[in-house]
Amino acid sequence: MNKVYNVNIVSQSPLPTPHEIHTELPIPEESESFVEDSRRQLVDILNHKDDRFLVIAGPCSINDIPSAMEYAERFKKLQQKVSDKIFLIMRTYFEKPRTTIGWKGLIYDPRMDKSFQIEEGLRIARKLLLQLAEMKIPTATEFLDPIIPQYLCDLITWAAIGARTTESQTHRQMASGMSMPIGFKNATDGSITIAIDAIKTAAAQHSFLGVINDGRTGIFNTKGNPNCHIVLRGSSIDPNYGSEYIAFSRELLRKAGLNQTIVVDCSHGNSHKMPKNQIKAAKDVISQRCNGDRAVTGIMLESYLIEGRQEIGEYMVPGLSVTDACLGWDDTEELILSAYHSL
């Protein structure tokens, strides 16, 4: 180890290559076809060729696989009830951006004890995605580390670039090479133009460095991702799901020559991180859609088995979030069924 440049690195260890993980945990042909078809359907929705409303719902973060599977089983039953009007995608978030420090997500610390068994976390995440694909549940995630997509992206229908990374050149370049639609969130200060700049950037061709399937550092040349869109998530001060914000965002998109497609994240700044406030935000957005605003394409919900959140500790309640507070399942189901009847 170079003592000058690596003085603060305690240790280094190799990670299985993406190819090795894919070989160990391959995607079956039927699941691969399902993911491809889910992406095609989603692209049609985002381009207003399919009138269904998009709902991306699920835990703020996946930390407990049995609870995630229980949620998925309920989610599947709900999906079967509403699929002719609502396209449901389940949140499967394995990476959590931190403002300062804290649990970084299942991939980085799967045992939640700061042992950082990242290799184990990658396998757990991929196994869950394989199970959900087999159940024919489309999945969504946020990509934070630019290396992670090589291990998981073949199983993801929709991905987000978060408020803290929308302005990042690395993430815009990464999105340009993705095969699934990408939602860019407005900045934490509420700036929408940053997300619009990101959409334009991700639609362009790029060349950049990254880790290729055999584990070596390589050069990626991308053709650009035409299926990126904006996600309004509120700011640290105010929500931005009201009709005036939708109209403003729609006009900015029009002036930028971009598809007028808007998804509203009902959590974060739009709920002031209070779970029940997501219901208010969702109903407002759905009302705008019912009143004819076609730019309003969908919503995101942070939802789990039990409402609220808990601290990480020795004794934890299964199905209760360990990051942001989530809406409980009963309220989630009632809200989505209400949206179905309204639509």
Protein backbone atom coordinates (compact mmCIF):
# COMPACT_ATOMS: atom_id res chain seq x y z
CA MET A 1 0.00 0.00 0.00
CA ASN A 2 1.28 3.44 -0.89
CA LYS A 3 1.83 5.11 2.48
CA VAL A 4 1.60 8.62 1.06
CA TYR A 5 -1.75 8.33 -0.69
CA ASN A 6 -3.49 5.73 1.47
CA VAL A 7 -2.53 6.85 4.95
CA ASN A 8 -6.16 6.84 6.21
CA ILE A 9 -7.20 3.49 4.70
CA VAL A 10 -7.32 0.84 7.44
CA SER A 11 -7.72 -2.15 5.10
CA GLN A 12 -8.63 -3.21 1.58
CA SER A 13 -10.23 -6.45 0.38
CA PRO A 14 -11.36 -7.75 -3.01
CA LEU A 15 -15.03 -8.06 -3.91
CA PRO A 16 -16.49 -10.72 -6.23
CA THR A 17 -16.84 -9.29 -9.72
CA PRO A 18 -20.29 -8.54 -11.16
CA HIS A 19 -19.79 -11.50 -13.52
CA GLU A 20 -19.08 -13.83 -10.59
CA ILE A 21 -22.18 -12.69 -8.69
CA HIS A 22 -24.34 -12.99 -11.83
CA THR A 23 -22.99 -16.50 -12.43
CA GLU A 24 -23.69 -17.50 -8.84
CA LEU A 25 -27.14 -15.87 -8.81
CA PRO A 26 -28.29 -15.80 -12.45
CA ILE A 27 -31.52 -14.24 -13.63
CA PRO A 28 -33.80 -16.91 -15.17
CA GLU A 29 -34.95 -16.26 -18.74
CA GLU A 30 -38.57 -15.85 -17.65
CA SER A 31 -37.63 -13.23 -15.04
CA GLU A 32 -35.43 -11.42 -17.54
CA SER A 33 -38.36 -11.23 -19.95
CA PHE A 34 -40.59 -9.97 -17.13
CA VAL A 35 -38.18 -7.13 -16.24
CA GLU A 36 -37.84 -6.12 -19.90
CA ASP A 37 -41.63 -6.12 -20.35
CA SER A 38 -42.13 -4.11 -17.13
CA ARG A 39 -39.69 -1.49 -18.40
CA ARG A 40 -41.51 -1.31 -21.74
CA GLN A 41 -44.84 -0.79 -20.00
CA LEU A 42 -43.34 1.89 -17.77
CA VAL A 43 -41.83 3.73 -20.75
CA ASP A 44 -45.27 3.80 -22.36
CA ILE A 45 -46.77 5.27 -19.17
CA LEU A 46 -44.06 7.93 -18.93
CA ASN A 47 -44.58 8.84 -22.59
CA HIS A 48 -48.38 9.04 -22.14
CA LYS A 49 -49.02 6.09 -24.46
CA ASP A 50 -50.49 4.08 -21.57
CA ASP A 51 -53.14 5.80 -19.41
CA ARG A 52 -52.36 3.87 -16.24
CA PHE A 53 -51.22 5.79 -13.17
CA LEU A 54 -47.82 4.94 -11.71
CA VAL A 55 -47.47 4.13 -8.00
CA ILE A 56 -44.04 3.31 -6.55
CA ALA A 57 -44.52 2.13 -2.98
CA GLY A 58 -42.56 0.24 -0.38
CA PRO A 59 -40.23 0.54 2.60
CA CYS A 60 -37.95 3.55 2.94
CA SER A 61 -35.19 0.94 3.12
CA ILE A 62 -35.03 -2.86 3.04
CA ASN A 63 -33.52 -4.16 6.26
CA ASP A 64 -35.51 -7.28 7.15
CA ILE A 65 -35.97 -9.86 4.36
CA PRO A 66 -38.88 -11.81 5.93
CA SER A 67 -40.79 -8.53 6.43
CA ALA A 68 -39.96 -7.42 2.89
CA MET A 69 -41.36 -10.70 1.58
CA GLU A 70 -44.50 -10.34 3.67
CA TYR A 71 -44.93 -6.84 2.26
CA ALA A 72 -44.36 -8.23 -1.26
CA GLU A 73 -47.06 -10.87 -0.80
CA ARG A 74 -49.60 -8.21 0.22
CA PHE A 75 -48.34 -5.97 -2.57
CA LYS A 76 -48.92 -8.74 -5.13
CA LYS A 77 -52.53 -9.22 -4.04
CA LEU A 78 -53.15 -5.48 -4.30
CA GLN A 79 -51.43 -5.41 -7.69
CA GLN A 80 -53.90 -7.98 -9.00
CA LYS A 81 -56.83 -5.78 -7.93
CA VAL A 82 -55.69 -2.54 -9.55
CA SER A 83 -53.46 -3.47 -12.51
CA ASP A 84 -55.88 -2.25 -15.20
CA LYS A 85 -55.64 1.36 -13.93
CA ILE A 86 -52.49 1.48 -11.75
CA PHE A 87 -48.99 0.24 -12.50
CA LEU A 88 -47.51 -0.77 -9.14
CA ILE A 89 -43.76 -0.92 -8.55
CA MET A 90 -42.28 -1.99 -5.19
CA ARG A 91 -39.54 0.08 -3.58
CA THR A 92 -36.47 -2.05 -2.85
CA TYR A 93 -33.97 0.48 -1.53
CA PHE A 94 -30.66 -1.06 -0.46
CA GLU A 95 -28.53 2.11 -0.27
CA LYS A 96 -29.35 5.10 1.91
CA PRO A 97 -27.69 8.50 1.41
CA ARG A 98 -26.78 10.06 4.75
CA THR A 99 -26.69 13.78 5.50
CA THR A 100 -23.98 13.08 8.09
CA ILE A 101 -23.58 9.50 9.37
CA GLY A 102 -25.90 6.59 10.03
CA TRP A 103 -26.89 3.18 8.67
CA LYS A 104 -26.07 3.20 4.96
CA GLY A 105 -28.39 0.39 3.95
CA LEU A 106 -28.57 -3.37 3.60
CA ILE A 107 -25.81 -3.67 1.00
CA TYR A 108 -23.25 -1.89 3.15
CA ASP A 109 -24.18 -3.21 6.58
CA PRO A 110 -26.59 -6.17 6.24
CA ARG A 111 -26.17 -7.26 9.87
CA MET A 112 -26.81 -3.71 11.10
CA ASP A 113 -23.92 -3.97 13.54
CA LYS A 114 -21.28 -1.89 11.73
CA SER A 115 -19.51 -5.03 10.54
CA PHE A 116 -19.97 -3.83 6.92
CA GLN A 117 -20.28 -7.24 5.27
CA ILE A 118 -20.75 -5.72 1.83
CA GLU A 119 -20.23 -8.98 -0.09
CA GLU A 120 -22.99 -10.56 2.00
CA GLY A 121 -25.22 -7.52 1.47
CA LEU A 122 -24.87 -7.70 -2.31
CA ARG A 123 -25.92 -11.34 -2.33
CA ILE A 124 -28.90 -10.72 -0.03
CA ALA A 125 -30.08 -7.83 -2.20
CA ARG A 126 -29.78 -9.80 -5.44
CA LYS A 127 -31.55 -12.83 -3.96
CA LEU A 128 -34.49 -10.65 -2.88
CA LEU A 129 -34.73 -9.06 -6.32
CA LEU A 130 -34.70 -12.51 -7.92
CA GLN A 131 -37.57 -13.60 -5.67
CA LEU A 132 -39.61 -10.53 -6.50
CA ALA A 133 -39.01 -10.96 -10.23
CA GLU A 134 -40.19 -14.55 -9.93
CA MET A 135 -43.35 -13.19 -8.24
CA LYS A 136 -43.69 -10.76 -11.18
CA ILE A 137 -43.40 -7.68 -9.00
CA PRO A 138 -41.57 -4.79 -10.72
CA THR A 139 -38.97 -3.21 -8.45
CA ALA A 140 -37.52 0.26 -7.89
CA THR A 141 -34.34 1.37 -6.18
CA GLU A 142 -32.06 4.35 -5.71
CA PHE A 143 -28.55 3.96 -7.08
CA LEU A 144 -26.02 5.75 -4.92
CA ASP A 145 -22.64 4.07 -5.45
CA PRO A 146 -21.80 3.92 -9.19
CA ILE A 147 -20.40 0.38 -8.84
CA ILE A 148 -23.61 -1.19 -7.45
CA PRO A 149 -25.67 -1.10 -10.69
CA GLN A 150 -23.35 -3.64 -12.29
CA TYR A 151 -24.50 -6.16 -9.68
CA LEU A 152 -28.25 -5.43 -9.60
CA CYS A 153 -29.54 -3.33 -12.48
CA ASP A 154 -30.65 -6.27 -14.64
CA LEU A 155 -33.44 -6.86 -12.08
CA ILE A 156 -34.66 -3.26 -11.65
CA THR A 157 -37.61 -1.72 -13.51
CA TRP A 158 -37.22 1.89 -12.33
CA ALA A 159 -34.40 3.72 -10.55
CA ALA A 160 -34.05 7.04 -8.75
CA ILE A 161 -31.21 9.47 -8.48
CA GLY A 162 -31.70 11.16 -5.12
CA ALA A 163 -31.88 14.82 -4.18
CA ARG A 164 -28.29 14.82 -2.92
CA THR A 165 -26.87 13.28 -6.11
CA THR A 166 -29.03 14.75 -8.90
CA GLU A 167 -26.39 17.44 -9.45
CA SER A 168 -23.56 14.89 -9.53
CA GLN A 169 -21.86 14.46 -12.90
CA THR A 170 -21.01 10.87 -12.00
CA HIS A 171 -24.67 9.97 -11.47
CA ARG A 172 -25.87 11.79 -14.57
CA GLN A 173 -23.31 9.87 -16.64
CA MET A 174 -24.28 6.62 -14.94
CA ALA A 175 -27.97 7.25 -15.74
CA SER A 176 -27.09 7.82 -19.40
CA GLY A 177 -26.09 4.17 -19.67
CA MET A 178 -28.98 2.64 -17.74
CA SER A 179 -31.54 0.50 -19.53
CA MET A 180 -34.46 1.43 -17.27
CA PRO A 181 -36.31 4.73 -16.77
CA ILE A 182 -34.68 7.03 -14.23
CA GLY A 183 -36.33 9.60 -11.97
CA PHE A 184 -34.22 12.60 -10.94
CA LYS A 185 -35.39 14.28 -7.73
CA ASN A 186 -35.38 18.02 -7.19
CA ALA A 187 -32.64 19.28 -4.86
CA THR A 188 -33.14 19.45 -1.10
CA ASP A 189 -33.38 23.25 -1.36
CA GLY A 190 -36.31 22.78 -3.75
CA SER A 191 -34.47 23.60 -6.97
CA ILE A 192 -36.24 22.04 -9.94
CA THR A 193 -33.85 23.30 -12.62
CA ILE A 194 -31.11 21.03 -11.26
CA ALA A 195 -33.27 17.98 -11.99
CA ILE A 196 -34.14 19.29 -15.47
CA ASP A 197 -30.44 19.83 -16.19
CA ALA A 198 -29.82 16.25 -15.03
CA ILE A 199 -32.50 14.86 -17.38
CA LYS A 200 -30.96 16.69 -20.35
CA THR A 201 -27.47 15.54 -19.38
CA ALA A 202 -28.48 11.89 -18.93
CA ALA A 203 -30.15 11.88 -22.35
CA ALA A 204 -26.80 12.70 -24.00
CA GLN A 205 -23.92 10.41 -24.93
CA HIS A 206 -21.07 10.07 -22.43
CA SER A 207 -17.71 8.38 -21.93
CA PHE A 208 -16.53 7.75 -18.39
CA LEU A 209 -14.65 5.35 -16.13
CA GLY A 210 -16.24 2.54 -14.16
CA VAL A 211 -16.01 -1.09 -13.10
CA ILE A 212 -16.86 -3.51 -15.91
CA ASN A 213 -18.30 -7.02 -15.50
CA ASP A 214 -14.97 -8.77 -15.07
CA GLY A 215 -14.04 -6.43 -12.19
CA ARG A 216 -11.47 -4.35 -14.03
CA THR A 217 -11.65 -0.59 -14.37
CA GLY A 218 -12.95 0.19 -17.83
CA ILE A 219 -14.32 2.88 -20.11
CA PHE A 220 -18.08 3.15 -20.58
CA ASN A 221 -19.44 4.71 -23.76
CA THR A 222 -23.17 5.37 -23.54
CA LYS A 223 -25.82 6.44 -26.05
CA GLY A 224 -27.93 8.36 -23.54
CA ASN A 225 -31.12 7.49 -21.67
CA PRO A 226 -34.26 9.01 -23.27
CA ASN A 227 -36.53 7.81 -20.45
CA CYS A 228 -35.56 10.11 -17.59
CA HIS A 229 -38.06 12.33 -15.80
CA ILE A 230 -38.48 14.62 -12.80
CA VAL A 231 -39.55 13.60 -9.30
CA LEU A 232 -40.89 16.38 -7.06
CA ARG A 233 -40.03 15.56 -3.44
CA GLY A 234 -40.51 18.92 -1.74
CA SER A 235 -37.77 20.92 -0.07
CA SER A 236 -36.39 21.16 3.44
CA ILE A 237 -38.96 23.93 4.02
CA ASP A 238 -42.03 23.48 1.79
CA PRO A 239 -43.91 20.80 -0.13
CA ASN A 240 -44.13 21.13 -3.93
CA TYR A 241 -46.96 18.81 -4.96
CA GLY A 242 -49.62 21.54 -5.36
CA SER A 243 -51.06 22.41 -8.75
CA GLU A 244 -49.01 25.62 -8.94
CA TYR A 245 -45.77 23.65 -8.58
CA ILE A 246 -46.92 21.07 -11.12
CA ALA A 247 -47.76 23.85 -13.59
CA PHE A 248 -44.39 25.53 -12.99
CA SER A 249 -42.51 22.25 -13.46
CA ARG A 250 -44.50 21.44 -16.58
CA GLU A 251 -43.61 24.81 -18.10
CA LEU A 252 -39.91 24.39 -17.29
CA LEU A 253 -39.95 20.98 -18.95
CA ARG A 254 -41.72 22.40 -22.01
CA LYS A 255 -39.19 25.21 -22.36
CA ALA A 256 -36.36 22.68 -22.05
CA GLY A 257 -37.88 20.60 -24.85
CA LEU A 258 -38.45 17.65 -22.51
CA ASN A 259 -41.35 15.27 -22.06
CA GLN A 260 -43.86 16.75 -19.61
CA THR A 261 -43.82 13.84 -17.18
CA ILE A 262 -43.91 14.45 -13.43
CA VAL A 263 -43.86 11.96 -10.57
CA VAL A 264 -44.50 13.23 -7.04
CA ASP A 265 -42.69 11.73 -4.06
CA CYS A 266 -45.33 12.07 -1.33
CA SER A 267 -42.74 11.55 1.40
CA HIS A 268 -39.64 13.59 2.36
CA GLY A 269 -40.26 17.33 2.02
CA ASN A 270 -43.79 16.77 0.73
CA SER A 271 -44.83 15.14 4.00
CA HIS A 272 -42.36 16.85 6.37
CA LYS A 273 -41.43 13.20 7.12
CA MET A 274 -44.80 12.62 8.84
CA PRO A 275 -46.29 9.40 7.39
CA LYS A 276 -49.96 10.41 7.44
CA ASN A 277 -49.15 13.55 5.45
CA GLN A 278 -48.35 11.29 2.50
CA ILE A 279 -52.08 10.56 2.21
CA LYS A 280 -52.89 14.27 1.86
CA ALA A 281 -50.19 14.74 -0.77
CA ALA A 282 -51.24 11.65 -2.72
CA LYS A 283 -54.91 12.61 -2.77
CA ASP A 284 -54.07 16.10 -4.00
CA VAL A 285 -51.93 14.72 -6.83
CA ILE A 286 -54.52 12.11 -7.81
CA SER A 287 -57.19 14.83 -7.86
CA GLN A 288 -55.04 16.83 -10.29
CA ARG A 289 -54.74 13.77 -12.51
CA CYS A 290 -58.49 13.12 -12.35
CA ASN A 291 -59.07 16.76 -13.32
CA GLY A 292 -57.17 16.19 -16.55
CA ASP A 293 -53.53 17.06 -15.87
CA ARG A 294 -51.78 14.41 -17.95
CA ALA A 295 -48.34 15.58 -16.88
CA VAL A 296 -49.06 14.11 -13.43
CA THR A 297 -47.90 10.59 -14.15
CA GLY A 298 -47.51 8.98 -10.75
CA ILE A 299 -46.63 9.08 -7.08
CA MET A 300 -44.11 7.55 -4.68
CA LEU A 301 -45.01 6.35 -1.19
CA GLU A 302 -42.82 5.24 1.71
CA SER A 303 -44.85 2.38 3.09
CA TYR A 304 -44.19 -0.67 5.27
CA LEU A 305 -46.12 -3.18 7.34
CA ILE A 306 -46.32 -0.93 10.41
CA GLU A 307 -46.58 2.86 10.51
CA GLY A 308 -43.65 4.86 11.90
CA ARG A 309 -39.99 4.14 12.49
CA GLN A 310 -37.62 2.73 15.11
CA GLU A 311 -34.01 3.06 16.11
CA ILE A 312 -31.58 0.28 15.30
CA GLY A 313 -30.93 -1.78 18.42
CA GLU A 314 -30.83 -5.22 19.93
CA TYR A 315 -34.61 -5.64 19.82
CA MET A 316 -36.42 -4.40 16.73
CA VAL A 317 -39.98 -4.76 15.53
CA PRO A 318 -40.25 -6.60 12.18
CA GLY A 319 -41.89 -4.56 9.44
CA LEU A 320 -41.17 -1.19 11.08
CA SER A 321 -38.81 1.18 9.27
CA VAL A 322 -35.32 1.87 10.61
CA THR A 323 -34.84 4.96 8.43
CA ASP A 324 -37.65 7.39 7.52
CA ALA A 325 -41.06 6.85 9.10
CA CYS A 326 -43.38 4.96 6.73
CA LEU A 327 -47.09 4.74 6.15
CA GLY A 328 -48.59 1.50 7.49
CA TRP A 329 -49.93 -1.19 5.18
CA ASP A 330 -53.62 -0.66 5.95
CA ASP A 331 -53.42 3.04 5.06
CA THR A 332 -51.35 2.21 1.97
CA GLU A 333 -53.86 -0.30 0.68
CA GLU A 334 -56.81 1.98 1.40
CA LEU A 335 -55.10 4.90 -0.36
CA ILE A 336 -54.26 2.90 -3.49
CA LEU A 337 -57.72 1.35 -3.71
CA SER A 338 -59.24 4.83 -3.30
CA ALA A 339 -57.01 6.09 -6.12
CA TYR A 340 -58.09 3.15 -8.25
CA HIS A 341 -61.79 4.00 -7.85
CA SER A 342 -61.13 7.72 -8.44
CA LEU A 343 -59.18 7.06 -11.60
